[in-house]
Amino acid sequence: MRQSLEATDRLVVRKNLEISELNSRLATKDETNAELGEQIDRLESELASREPTQPETSATVRTDLSKVEAADLLNQLKGQRKKTKADLGDMDAVLDLLSQLWRGEAVP
């Protein structure tokens, strides 16, 4: 009987050691999860601060539009739509209409 109690005591001690080890591993994982959560928060705030805060304005678009040549626009259109019937005069008219729209002028 005594041997049985001693064996049971040894088993209880081993199981308590296992429980302690598992609790220690769990605590380490909890700390790691907390650190990862903080790192995620830092990275998200850093990303948010790097994102542009204002969308592109029409003034920026107008500057880009002023660099567009009607011939280049026509070539791009023909590259995308092989059977287009548009010509250089059409592209020039489109550019004029767009620039009037961006300046806020009435379009006929």
Protein backbone atom coordinates (compact mmCIF):
# COMPACT_ATOMS: atom_id res chain seq x y z
CA MET A 1 0.00 0.00 0.00
CA ARG A 2 2.80 2.34 0.91
CA GLN A 3 4.47 1.74 -2.46
CA SER A 4 1.22 2.54 -4.17
CA LEU A 5 0.96 5.85 -2.27
CA GLU A 6 4.58 6.72 -3.09
CA ALA A 7 3.95 5.94 -6.78
CA THR A 8 0.85 8.11 -6.70
CA ASP A 9 2.81 10.93 -5.01
CA ARG A 10 5.52 10.72 -7.70
CA LEU A 11 2.83 10.82 -10.37
CA VAL A 12 1.20 13.86 -8.74
CA VAL A 13 4.59 15.62 -8.58
CA ARG A 14 5.30 14.85 -12.25
CA LYS A 15 1.85 16.06 -13.28
CA ASN A 16 2.28 19.25 -11.22
CA LEU A 17 5.61 19.86 -12.97
CA GLU A 18 3.92 19.33 -16.35
CA ILE A 19 1.16 21.74 -15.36
CA SER A 20 3.75 24.33 -14.28
CA GLU A 21 5.61 23.95 -17.55
CA LEU A 22 2.39 24.28 -19.56
CA ASN A 23 1.38 27.37 -17.56
CA SER A 24 4.79 28.88 -18.25
CA ARG A 25 4.47 28.16 -21.98
CA LEU A 26 0.98 29.65 -21.98
CA ALA A 27 2.21 32.81 -20.27
CA THR A 28 4.98 33.12 -22.87
CA LYS A 29 2.47 32.73 -25.69
CA ASP A 30 0.19 35.36 -24.10
CA GLU A 31 3.13 37.78 -23.90
CA THR A 32 4.03 37.02 -27.51
CA ASN A 33 0.43 37.61 -28.61
CA ALA A 34 0.35 40.91 -26.74
CA GLU A 35 3.62 41.99 -28.36
CA LEU A 36 2.33 41.01 -31.79
CA GLY A 37 -0.88 42.97 -31.17
CA GLU A 38 1.14 46.05 -30.26
CA GLN A 39 3.31 45.60 -33.34
CA ILE A 40 0.21 45.32 -35.53
CA ASP A 41 -1.18 48.53 -34.02
CA ARG A 42 2.11 50.36 -34.66
CA LEU A 43 2.29 49.15 -38.25
CA GLU A 44 -1.34 50.08 -38.93
CA SER A 45 -0.83 53.59 -37.59
CA GLU A 46 2.39 53.94 -39.59
CA LEU A 47 0.58 52.81 -42.72
CA ALA A 48 -2.26 55.24 -42.07
CA SER A 49 0.19 58.11 -41.69
CA ARG A 50 1.84 57.25 -45.01
CA GLU A 51 -1.39 57.12 -47.02
CA PRO A 52 -2.22 60.25 -48.95
CA THR A 53 -4.70 62.33 -47.03
CA GLN A 54 -6.17 64.22 -49.97
CA PRO A 55 -7.32 62.84 -53.29
CA GLU A 56 -5.84 64.13 -56.51
CA THR A 57 -7.27 67.56 -57.26
CA SER A 58 -8.61 68.74 -60.57
CA ALA A 59 -5.71 71.21 -60.76
CA THR A 60 -3.32 68.27 -60.87
CA VAL A 61 -5.43 66.63 -63.55
CA ARG A 62 -5.52 69.90 -65.49
CA THR A 63 -1.74 70.06 -65.43
CA ASP A 64 -1.54 66.53 -66.77
CA LEU A 65 -4.20 67.33 -69.39
CA SER A 66 -2.20 70.29 -70.65
CA LYS A 67 0.65 67.89 -71.50
CA VAL A 68 -1.58 65.65 -73.65
CA GLU A 69 -1.27 66.08 -77.38
CA ALA A 70 -4.26 65.29 -79.57
CA ALA A 71 -2.11 63.10 -81.84
CA ASP A 72 -0.87 61.03 -78.87
CA LEU A 73 -4.41 60.64 -77.63
CA LEU A 74 -5.56 59.52 -81.08
CA ASN A 75 -2.73 56.98 -81.29
CA GLN A 76 -3.64 55.57 -77.88
CA LEU A 77 -7.28 55.33 -78.88
CA LYS A 78 -6.43 53.56 -82.13
CA GLY A 79 -4.14 51.21 -80.21
CA GLN A 80 -7.02 50.19 -77.96
CA ARG A 81 -9.82 50.32 -80.53
CA LYS A 82 -8.47 49.34 -83.93
CA LYS A 83 -11.64 50.18 -85.87
CA THR A 84 -12.24 53.66 -84.43
CA LYS A 85 -13.43 56.31 -86.83
CA ALA A 86 -12.10 59.21 -84.74
CA ASP A 87 -9.56 61.54 -86.31
CA LEU A 88 -7.16 64.20 -85.09
CA GLY A 89 -9.83 66.90 -85.16
CA ASP A 90 -12.09 64.78 -82.94
CA MET A 91 -9.32 64.36 -80.38
CA ASP A 92 -8.61 68.08 -80.42
CA ALA A 93 -12.30 68.78 -79.80
CA VAL A 94 -12.38 66.27 -76.92
CA LEU A 95 -9.37 67.92 -75.28
CA ASP A 96 -10.98 71.35 -75.66
CA LEU A 97 -14.22 70.09 -74.08
CA LEU A 98 -12.35 68.52 -71.17
CA SER A 99 -10.34 71.65 -70.48
CA GLN A 100 -13.57 73.72 -70.52
CA LEU A 101 -15.17 71.32 -68.06
CA TRP A 102 -12.23 71.53 -65.66
CA ARG A 103 -12.18 75.30 -65.83
CA GLY A 104 -15.87 75.27 -64.95
CA GLU A 105 -16.95 76.85 -68.22
CA ALA A 106 -20.26 76.03 -69.85
CA VAL A 107 -19.91 73.39 -72.52
CA PRO A 108 -21.99 73.98 -75.66
